[in-house]
């Protein structure tokens, strides 16, 4: 039987996490999840296992009209860049 979208996502997630355990540069990684309706981005510190900053098209303060297009992705990118600077990440 074929795997569902959720099962494929979990499989990719574990593959990425296992690779990150073996190769750790000490820099936070940018995780992007794009669904058919929304885009979400996180800056993750793998040493501590914590999310340092995040942004999503679901946030009201971004003022995104179309949630999964180039304009929305640009606004989410600008928001995560601002939040990363506030958190002291270059």
PDB file of N, CA and C in Angstrom:
ATOM      1  N   UNK A   1       0.834  -1.171   0.000  1.00  0.00           N
ATOM      2  CA  UNK A   1       0.000   0.000   0.000  1.00  0.00           C
ATOM      3  C   UNK A   1       0.888   1.247   0.000  1.00  0.00           C
ATOM      4  N   UNK A   2       0.494   2.252  -0.728  1.00  0.00           N
ATOM      5  CA  UNK A   2       1.256   3.492  -0.829  1.00  0.00           C
ATOM      6  C   UNK A   2       1.190   4.268   0.480  1.00  0.00           C
ATOM      7  N   UNK A   3       2.263   5.010   0.738  1.00  0.00           N
ATOM      8  CA  UNK A   3       2.318   5.824   1.949  1.00  0.00           C
ATOM      9  C   UNK A   3       1.514   7.105   1.756  1.00  0.00           C
ATOM     10  N   UNK A   4       0.900   7.573   2.824  1.00  0.00           N
ATOM     11  CA  UNK A   4       0.133   8.812   2.758  1.00  0.00           C
ATOM     12  C   UNK A   4       1.096  10.005   2.774  1.00  0.00           C
ATOM     13  N   UNK A   5       0.568  11.195   2.520  1.00  0.00           N
ATOM     14  CA  UNK A   5       1.392  12.402   2.535  1.00  0.00           C
ATOM     15  C   UNK A   5       2.031  12.605   3.900  1.00  0.00           C
ATOM     16  N   UNK A   6       1.263  12.359   4.942  1.00  0.00           N
ATOM     17  CA  UNK A   6       1.768  12.544   6.304  1.00  0.00           C
ATOM     18  C   UNK A   6       2.907  11.557   6.601  1.00  0.00           C
ATOM     19  N   UNK A   7       2.743  10.321   6.181  1.00  0.00           N
ATOM     20  CA  UNK A   7       3.791   9.310   6.400  1.00  0.00           C
ATOM     21  C   UNK A   7       5.060   9.647   5.618  1.00  0.00           C
ATOM     22  N   UNK A   8       4.895  10.144   4.401  1.00  0.00           N
ATOM     23  CA  UNK A   8       6.062  10.554   3.613  1.00  0.00           C
ATOM     24  C   UNK A   8       6.763  11.745   4.261  1.00  0.00           C
ATOM     25  N   UNK A   9       5.985  12.689   4.798  1.00  0.00           N
ATOM     26  CA  UNK A   9       6.551  13.840   5.489  1.00  0.00           C
ATOM     27  C   UNK A   9       7.350  13.385   6.714  1.00  0.00           C
ATOM     28  N   UNK A  10       6.793  12.481   7.499  1.00  0.00           N
ATOM     29  CA  UNK A  10       7.480  11.982   8.691  1.00  0.00           C
ATOM     30  C   UNK A  10       8.761  11.244   8.318  1.00  0.00           C
ATOM     31  N   UNK A  11       8.730  10.505   7.228  1.00  0.00           N
ATOM     32  CA  UNK A  11       9.907   9.772   6.766  1.00  0.00           C
ATOM     33  C   UNK A  11      11.023  10.742   6.354  1.00  0.00           C
ATOM     34  N   UNK A  12      10.662  11.803   5.614  1.00  0.00           N
ATOM     35  CA  UNK A  12      11.641  12.831   5.234  1.00  0.00           C
ATOM     36  C   UNK A  12      12.195  13.532   6.465  1.00  0.00           C
ATOM     37  N   UNK A  13      11.317  13.820   7.406  1.00  0.00           N
ATOM     38  CA  UNK A  13      11.707  14.517   8.629  1.00  0.00           C
ATOM     39  C   UNK A  13      12.749  13.713   9.410  1.00  0.00           C
ATOM     40  N   UNK A  14      12.522  12.435   9.558  1.00  0.00           N
ATOM     41  CA  UNK A  14      13.473  11.596  10.297  1.00  0.00           C
ATOM     42  C   UNK A  14      14.794  11.456   9.533  1.00  0.00           C
ATOM     43  N   UNK A  15      14.722  11.395   8.217  1.00  0.00           N
ATOM     44  CA  UNK A  15      15.944  11.306   7.413  1.00  0.00           C
ATOM     45  C   UNK A  15      16.792  12.561   7.593  1.00  0.00           C
ATOM     46  N   UNK A  16      16.159  13.712   7.585  1.00  0.00           N
ATOM     47  CA  UNK A  16      16.881  14.978   7.769  1.00  0.00           C
ATOM     48  C   UNK A  16      17.464  15.054   9.175  1.00  0.00           C
ATOM     49  N   UNK A  17      16.686  14.691  10.178  1.00  0.00           N
ATOM     50  CA  UNK A  17      17.178  14.750  11.558  1.00  0.00           C
ATOM     51  C   UNK A  17      18.373  13.828  11.772  1.00  0.00           C
ATOM     52  N   UNK A  18      18.325  12.648  11.192  1.00  0.00           N
ATOM     53  CA  UNK A  18      19.447  11.724  11.345  1.00  0.00           C
ATOM     54  C   UNK A  18      20.708  12.258  10.673  1.00  0.00           C
ATOM     55  N   UNK A  19      20.566  12.894   9.533  1.00  0.00           N
ATOM     56  CA  UNK A  19      21.722  13.491   8.860  1.00  0.00           C
ATOM     57  C   UNK A  19      22.287  14.641   9.685  1.00  0.00           C
ATOM     58  N   UNK A  20      21.404  15.436  10.288  1.00  0.00           N
ATOM     59  CA  UNK A  20      21.850  16.579  11.074  1.00  0.00           C
ATOM     60  C   UNK A  20      22.587  16.153  12.334  1.00  0.00           C
ATOM     61  N   UNK A  21      22.241  15.019  12.883  1.00  0.00           N
ATOM     62  CA  UNK A  21      22.955  14.529  14.064  1.00  0.00           C
ATOM     63  C   UNK A  21      24.400  14.200  13.725  1.00  0.00           C
ATOM     64  N   UNK A  22      24.629  13.681  12.526  1.00  0.00           N
ATOM     65  CA  UNK A  22      25.986  13.289  12.144  1.00  0.00           C
ATOM     66  C   UNK A  22      26.814  14.489  11.674  1.00  0.00           C
ATOM     67  N   UNK A  23      26.181  15.483  11.064  1.00  0.00           N
ATOM     68  CA  UNK A  23      26.888  16.661  10.569  1.00  0.00           C
ATOM     69  C   UNK A  23      26.292  17.888  11.244  1.00  0.00           C
ATOM     70  N   UNK A  24      27.002  18.451  12.202  1.00  0.00           N
ATOM     71  CA  UNK A  24      26.483  19.606  12.915  1.00  0.00           C
ATOM     72  C   UNK A  24      27.505  20.731  12.841  1.00  0.00           C
ATOM     73  N   UNK A  25      27.131  21.839  12.203  1.00  0.00           N
ATOM     74  CA  UNK A  25      28.048  22.958  12.010  1.00  0.00           C
ATOM     75  C   UNK A  25      27.952  23.991  13.126  1.00  0.00           C
ATOM     76  N   UNK A  26      26.951  23.884  13.965  1.00  0.00           N
ATOM     77  CA  UNK A  26      26.765  24.870  15.022  1.00  0.00           C
ATOM     78  C   UNK A  26      25.936  26.062  14.587  1.00  0.00           C
ATOM     79  N   UNK A  27      25.562  26.122  13.322  1.00  0.00           N
ATOM     80  CA  UNK A  27      24.724  27.206  12.825  1.00  0.00           C
ATOM     81  C   UNK A  27      23.265  26.764  12.846  1.00  0.00           C
ATOM     82  N   UNK A  28      22.341  27.686  13.072  1.00  0.00           N
ATOM     83  CA  UNK A  28      20.923  27.302  13.015  1.00  0.00           C
ATOM     84  C   UNK A  28      20.524  26.970  11.580  1.00  0.00           C
ATOM     85  N   UNK A  29      19.588  26.047  11.450  1.00  0.00           N
ATOM     86  CA  UNK A  29      19.129  25.669  10.113  1.00  0.00           C
ATOM     87  C   UNK A  29      17.762  26.275   9.852  1.00  0.00           C
ATOM     88  N   UNK A  30      17.499  26.491   8.585  1.00  0.00           N
ATOM     89  CA  UNK A  30      16.224  27.055   8.153  1.00  0.00           C
ATOM     90  C   UNK A  30      15.356  25.920   7.641  1.00  0.00           C
ATOM     91  N   UNK A  31      14.232  25.719   8.278  1.00  0.00           N
ATOM     92  CA  UNK A  31      13.299  24.677   7.884  1.00  0.00           C
ATOM     93  C   UNK A  31      12.091  25.340   7.229  1.00  0.00           C
ATOM     94  N   UNK A  32      11.799  24.944   5.997  1.00  0.00           N
ATOM     95  CA  UNK A  32      10.671  25.509   5.249  1.00  0.00           C
ATOM     96  C   UNK A  32       9.657  24.412   4.992  1.00  0.00           C
ATOM     97  N   UNK A  33       8.419  24.658   5.354  1.00  0.00           N
ATOM     98  CA  UNK A  33       7.340  23.715   5.061  1.00  0.00           C
ATOM     99  C   UNK A  33       6.304  24.434   4.213  1.00  0.00           C
ATOM    100  N   UNK A  34       6.092  23.915   3.020  1.00  0.00           N
ATOM    101  CA  UNK A  34       5.129  24.509   2.099  1.00  0.00           C
ATOM    102  C   UNK A  34       4.024  23.500   1.844  1.00  0.00           C
ATOM    103  N   UNK A  35       2.830  23.836   2.239  1.00  0.00           N
ATOM    104  CA  UNK A  35       1.683  22.994   1.953  1.00  0.00           C
ATOM    105  C   UNK A  35       0.942  23.595   0.764  1.00  0.00           C
ATOM    106  N   UNK A  36      -0.182  23.020   0.421  1.00  0.00           N
ATOM    107  CA  UNK A  36      -0.943  23.545  -0.714  1.00  0.00           C
ATOM    108  C   UNK A  36      -1.610  24.877  -0.386  1.00  0.00           C
ATOM    109  N   UNK A  37      -1.720  25.217   0.905  1.00  0.00           N
ATOM    110  CA  UNK A  37      -2.398  26.446   1.294  1.00  0.00           C
ATOM    111  C   UNK A  37      -1.529  27.440   2.049  1.00  0.00           C
ATOM    112  N   UNK A  38      -0.468  26.988   2.715  1.00  0.00           N
ATOM    113  CA  UNK A  38       0.315  27.866   3.578  1.00  0.00           C
ATOM    114  C   UNK A  38       1.812  27.611   3.442  1.00  0.00           C
ATOM    115  N   UNK A  39       2.586  28.561   3.927  1.00  0.00           N
ATOM    116  CA  UNK A  39       4.035  28.454   3.974  1.00  0.00           C
ATOM    117  C   UNK A  39       4.461  28.780   5.404  1.00  0.00           C
ATOM    118  N   UNK A  40       5.318  27.936   5.976  1.00  0.00           N
ATOM    119  CA  UNK A  40       5.843  28.236   7.308  1.00  0.00           C
ATOM    120  C   UNK A  40       7.351  28.005   7.311  1.00  0.00           C
ATOM    121  N   UNK A  41       8.056  28.832   8.090  1.00  0.00           N
ATOM    122  CA  UNK A  41       9.515  28.814   8.129  1.00  0.00           C
ATOM    123  C   UNK A  41       9.953  28.861   9.590  1.00  0.00           C
ATOM    124  N   UNK A  42      11.011  28.091   9.914  1.00  0.00           N
ATOM    125  CA  UNK A  42      11.555  28.096  11.271  1.00  0.00           C
ATOM    126  C   UNK A  42      13.070  28.132  11.216  1.00  0.00           C
ATOM    127  N   UNK A  43      13.676  28.851  12.146  1.00  0.00           N
ATOM    128  CA  UNK A  43      15.117  28.774  12.378  1.00  0.00           C
ATOM    129  C   UNK A  43      15.306  27.881  13.599  1.00  0.00           C
ATOM    130  N   UNK A  44      16.036  26.785  13.435  1.00  0.00           N
ATOM    131  CA  UNK A  44      16.147  25.778  14.480  1.00  0.00           C
ATOM    132  C   UNK A  44      17.603  25.619  14.898  1.00  0.00           C
ATOM    133  N   UNK A  45      17.837  25.620  16.206  1.00  0.00           N
ATOM    134  CA  UNK A  45      19.154  25.332  16.768  1.00  0.00           C
ATOM    135  C   UNK A  45      19.167  23.849  17.121  1.00  0.00           C
ATOM    136  N   UNK A  46      19.935  23.064  16.376  1.00  0.00           N
ATOM    137  CA  UNK A  46      19.944  21.623  16.580  1.00  0.00           C
ATOM    138  C   UNK A  46      20.726  21.200  17.816  1.00  0.00           C
ATOM    139  N   UNK A  47      21.638  22.031  18.285  1.00  0.00           N
ATOM    140  CA  UNK A  47      22.393  21.681  19.490  1.00  0.00           C
ATOM    141  C   UNK A  47      21.480  21.648  20.714  1.00  0.00           C
ATOM    142  N   UNK A  48      20.575  22.627  20.801  1.00  0.00           N
ATOM    143  CA  UNK A  48      19.658  22.696  21.932  1.00  0.00           C
ATOM    144  C   UNK A  48      18.285  22.117  21.611  1.00  0.00           C
ATOM    145  N   UNK A  49      18.009  21.916  20.323  1.00  0.00           N
ATOM    146  CA  UNK A  49      16.710  21.400  19.932  1.00  0.00           C
ATOM    147  C   UNK A  49      15.590  22.405  20.105  1.00  0.00           C
ATOM    148  N   UNK A  50      15.899  23.693  19.908  1.00  0.00           N
ATOM    149  CA  UNK A  50      14.907  24.747  20.101  1.00  0.00           C
ATOM    150  C   UNK A  50      14.700  25.545  18.821  1.00  0.00           C
ATOM    151  N   UNK A  51      13.486  26.060  18.671  1.00  0.00           N
ATOM    152  CA  UNK A  51      13.174  26.960  17.568  1.00  0.00           C
ATOM    153  C   UNK A  51      13.532  28.379  17.998  1.00  0.00           C
ATOM    154  N   UNK A  52      14.390  29.035  17.213  1.00  0.00           N
ATOM    155  CA  UNK A  52      14.847  30.381  17.548  1.00  0.00           C
ATOM    156  C   UNK A  52      13.910  31.455  17.021  1.00  0.00           C
ATOM    157  N   UNK A  53      13.358  31.243  15.837  1.00  0.00           N
ATOM    158  CA  UNK A  53      12.432  32.206  15.237  1.00  0.00           C
ATOM    159  C   UNK A  53      11.553  31.465  14.241  1.00  0.00           C
ATOM    160  N   UNK A  54      10.351  31.981  14.025  1.00  0.00           N
ATOM    161  CA  UNK A  54       9.454  31.354  13.061  1.00  0.00           C
ATOM    162  C   UNK A  54       8.562  32.402  12.417  1.00  0.00           C
ATOM    163  N   UNK A  55       8.038  32.050  11.247  1.00  0.00           N
ATOM    164  CA  UNK A  55       7.097  32.909  10.529  1.00  0.00           C
ATOM    165  C   UNK A  55       6.202  32.022   9.672  1.00  0.00           C
ATOM    166  N   UNK A  56       4.982  32.480   9.436  1.00  0.00           N
ATOM    167  CA  UNK A  56       4.030  31.696   8.663  1.00  0.00           C
ATOM    168  C   UNK A  56       3.016  32.614   7.989  1.00  0.00           C
ATOM    169  N   UNK A  57       2.420  32.121   6.925  1.00  0.00           N
ATOM    170  CA  UNK A  57       1.375  32.894   6.246  1.00  0.00           C
ATOM    171  C   UNK A  57       0.088  32.920   7.060  1.00  0.00           C
ATOM    172  N   UNK A  58      -0.007  32.113   8.100  1.00  0.00           N
ATOM    173  CA  UNK A  58      -1.192  32.100   8.957  1.00  0.00           C
ATOM    174  C   UNK A  58      -1.221  33.278   9.927  1.00  0.00           C
ATOM    175  N   UNK A  59      -0.103  33.974  10.080  1.00  0.00           N
ATOM    176  CA  UNK A  59      -0.028  35.102  11.000  1.00  0.00           C
ATOM    177  C   UNK A  59      -0.759  36.314  10.415  1.00  0.00           C
ATOM    178  N   UNK A  60      -1.576  36.920  11.227  1.00  0.00           N
ATOM    179  CA  UNK A  60      -2.390  38.052  10.776  1.00  0.00           C
ATOM    180  C   UNK A  60      -1.548  39.301  10.516  1.00  0.00           C
ATOM    181  N   UNK A  61      -0.474  39.499  11.290  1.00  0.00           N
ATOM    182  CA  UNK A  61       0.302  40.734  11.168  1.00  0.00           C
ATOM    183  C   UNK A  61       1.112  40.826   9.874  1.00  0.00           C
ATOM    184  N   UNK A  62       1.271  39.732   9.142  1.00  0.00           N
ATOM    185  CA  UNK A  62       1.984  39.793   7.864  1.00  0.00           C
ATOM    186  C   UNK A  62       1.127  40.396   6.764  1.00  0.00           C
ATOM    187  N   UNK A  63      -0.169  40.300   6.891  1.00  0.00           N
ATOM    188  CA  UNK A  63      -1.077  40.889   5.915  1.00  0.00           C
ATOM    189  C   UNK A  63      -1.020  40.218   4.561  1.00  0.00           C
ATOM    190  N   UNK A  64      -0.900  38.907   4.557  1.00  0.00           N
ATOM    191  CA  UNK A  64      -0.815  38.155   3.310  1.00  0.00           C
ATOM    192  C   UNK A  64      -2.223  37.862   2.801  1.00  0.00           C
ATOM    193  N   UNK A  65      -2.474  38.220   1.533  1.00  0.00           N
ATOM    194  CA  UNK A  65      -3.788  37.969   0.938  1.00  0.00           C
ATOM    195  C   UNK A  65      -3.823  36.570   0.347  1.00  0.00           C
ATOM    196  N   UNK A  66      -2.936  36.297  -0.609  1.00  0.00           N
ATOM    197  CA  UNK A  66      -2.806  34.954  -1.152  1.00  0.00           C
ATOM    198  C   UNK A  66      -1.808  34.209  -0.296  1.00  0.00           C
ATOM    199  N   UNK A  67      -2.148  33.063   0.182  1.00  0.00           N
ATOM    200  CA  UNK A  67      -1.302  32.408   1.176  1.00  0.00           C
ATOM    201  C   UNK A  67      -0.209  31.537   0.580  1.00  0.00           C
ATOM    202  N   UNK A  68      -0.314  31.131  -0.654  1.00  0.00           N
ATOM    203  CA  UNK A  68       0.709  30.257  -1.215  1.00  0.00           C
ATOM    204  C   UNK A  68       1.116  30.762  -2.590  1.00  0.00           C
ATOM    205  N   UNK A  69       1.770  31.913  -2.612  1.00  0.00           N
ATOM    206  CA  UNK A  69       2.257  32.466  -3.858  1.00  0.00           C
ATOM    207  C   UNK A  69       3.589  33.162  -3.615  1.00  0.00           C
ATOM    208  N   UNK A  70       4.130  33.775  -4.626  1.00  0.00           N
ATOM    209  CA  UNK A  70       5.439  34.415  -4.525  1.00  0.00           C
ATOM    210  C   UNK A  70       5.399  35.591  -3.553  1.00  0.00           C
ATOM    211  N   UNK A  71       4.335  36.367  -3.598  1.00  0.00           N
ATOM    212  CA  UNK A  71       4.206  37.513  -2.689  1.00  0.00           C
ATOM    213  C   UNK A  71       4.195  37.048  -1.230  1.00  0.00           C
ATOM    214  N   UNK A  72       3.449  35.989  -0.963  1.00  0.00           N
ATOM    215  CA  UNK A  72       3.373  35.460   0.401  1.00  0.00           C
ATOM    216  C   UNK A  72       4.732  34.937   0.848  1.00  0.00           C
ATOM    217  N   UNK A  73       5.431  34.240  -0.018  1.00  0.00           N
ATOM    218  CA  UNK A  73       6.749  33.707   0.323  1.00  0.00           C
ATOM    219  C   UNK A  73       7.741  34.830   0.594  1.00  0.00           C
ATOM    220  N   UNK A  74       7.644  35.906  -0.161  1.00  0.00           N
ATOM    221  CA  UNK A  74       8.519  37.056   0.044  1.00  0.00           C
ATOM    222  C   UNK A  74       8.269  37.692   1.410  1.00  0.00           C
ATOM    223  N   UNK A  75       7.010  37.865   1.758  1.00  0.00           N
ATOM    224  CA  UNK A  75       6.681  38.473   3.057  1.00  0.00           C
ATOM    225  C   UNK A  75       7.118  37.581   4.218  1.00  0.00           C
ATOM    226  N   UNK A  76       6.942  36.275   4.070  1.00  0.00           N
ATOM    227  CA  UNK A  76       7.385  35.347   5.116  1.00  0.00           C
ATOM    228  C   UNK A  76       8.909  35.396   5.235  1.00  0.00           C
ATOM    229  N   UNK A  77       9.603  35.482   4.112  1.00  0.00           N
ATOM    230  CA  UNK A  77      11.067  35.585   4.126  1.00  0.00           C
ATOM    231  C   UNK A  77      11.548  36.856   4.808  1.00  0.00           C
ATOM    232  N   UNK A  78      10.889  37.968   4.534  1.00  0.00           N
ATOM    233  CA  UNK A  78      11.247  39.235   5.183  1.00  0.00           C
ATOM    234  C   UNK A  78      10.986  39.165   6.690  1.00  0.00           C
ATOM    235  N   UNK A  79       9.883  38.527   7.071  1.00  0.00           N
ATOM    236  CA  UNK A  79       9.539  38.429   8.491  1.00  0.00           C
ATOM    237  C   UNK A  79      10.551  37.567   9.239  1.00  0.00           C
ATOM    238  N   UNK A  80      10.971  36.446   8.652  1.00  0.00           N
ATOM    239  CA  UNK A  80      11.931  35.574   9.337  1.00  0.00           C
ATOM    240  C   UNK A  80      13.299  36.245   9.414  1.00  0.00           C
ATOM    241  N   UNK A  81      13.642  37.055   8.411  1.00  0.00           N
ATOM    242  CA  UNK A  81      14.924  37.773   8.439  1.00  0.00           C
ATOM    243  C   UNK A  81      14.930  38.804   9.562  1.00  0.00           C
ATOM    244  N   UNK A  82      13.836  39.541   9.718  1.00  0.00           N
ATOM    245  CA  UNK A  82      13.738  40.528  10.802  1.00  0.00           C
ATOM    246  C   UNK A  82      13.808  39.857  12.168  1.00  0.00           C
ATOM    247  N   UNK A  83      13.101  38.759  12.320  1.00  0.00           N
ATOM    248  CA  UNK A  83      13.077  38.054  13.607  1.00  0.00           C
ATOM    249  C   UNK A  83      14.433  37.420  13.922  1.00  0.00           C
ATOM    250  N   UNK A  84      15.137  36.980  12.884  1.00  0.00           N
ATOM    251  CA  UNK A  84      16.477  36.416  13.098  1.00  0.00           C
ATOM    252  C   UNK A  84      17.437  37.501  13.571  1.00  0.00           C
ATOM    253  N   UNK A  85      17.331  38.694  12.996  1.00  0.00           N
ATOM    254  CA  UNK A  85      18.180  39.803  13.434  1.00  0.00           C
ATOM    255  C   UNK A  85      17.883  40.182  14.882  1.00  0.00           C
ATOM    256  N   UNK A  86      16.600  40.185  15.260  1.00  0.00           N
ATOM    257  CA  UNK A  86      16.228  40.497  16.632  1.00  0.00           C
ATOM    258  C   UNK A  86      16.774  39.455  17.608  1.00  0.00           C
ATOM    259  N   UNK A  87      16.839  38.203  17.149  1.00  0.00           N
ATOM    260  CA  UNK A  87      17.340  37.124  18.005  1.00  0.00           C
ATOM    261  C   UNK A  87      18.863  37.076  18.023  1.00  0.00           C
ATOM    262  N   UNK A  88      19.515  37.931  17.221  1.00  0.00           N
ATOM    263  CA  UNK A  88      20.971  37.979  17.205  1.00  0.00           C
ATOM    264  C   UNK A  88      21.611  36.947  16.298  1.00  0.00           C
ATOM    265  N   UNK A  89      20.886  36.503  15.301  1.00  0.00           N
ATOM    266  CA  UNK A  89      21.393  35.519  14.350  1.00  0.00           C
ATOM    267  C   UNK A  89      21.748  36.230  13.056  1.00  0.00           C
ATOM    268  N   UNK A  90      22.946  35.965  12.535  1.00  0.00           N
ATOM    269  CA  UNK A  90      23.362  36.587  11.272  1.00  0.00           C
ATOM    270  C   UNK A  90      23.075  35.707  10.092  1.00  0.00           C
TER     271      UNK A  90
END
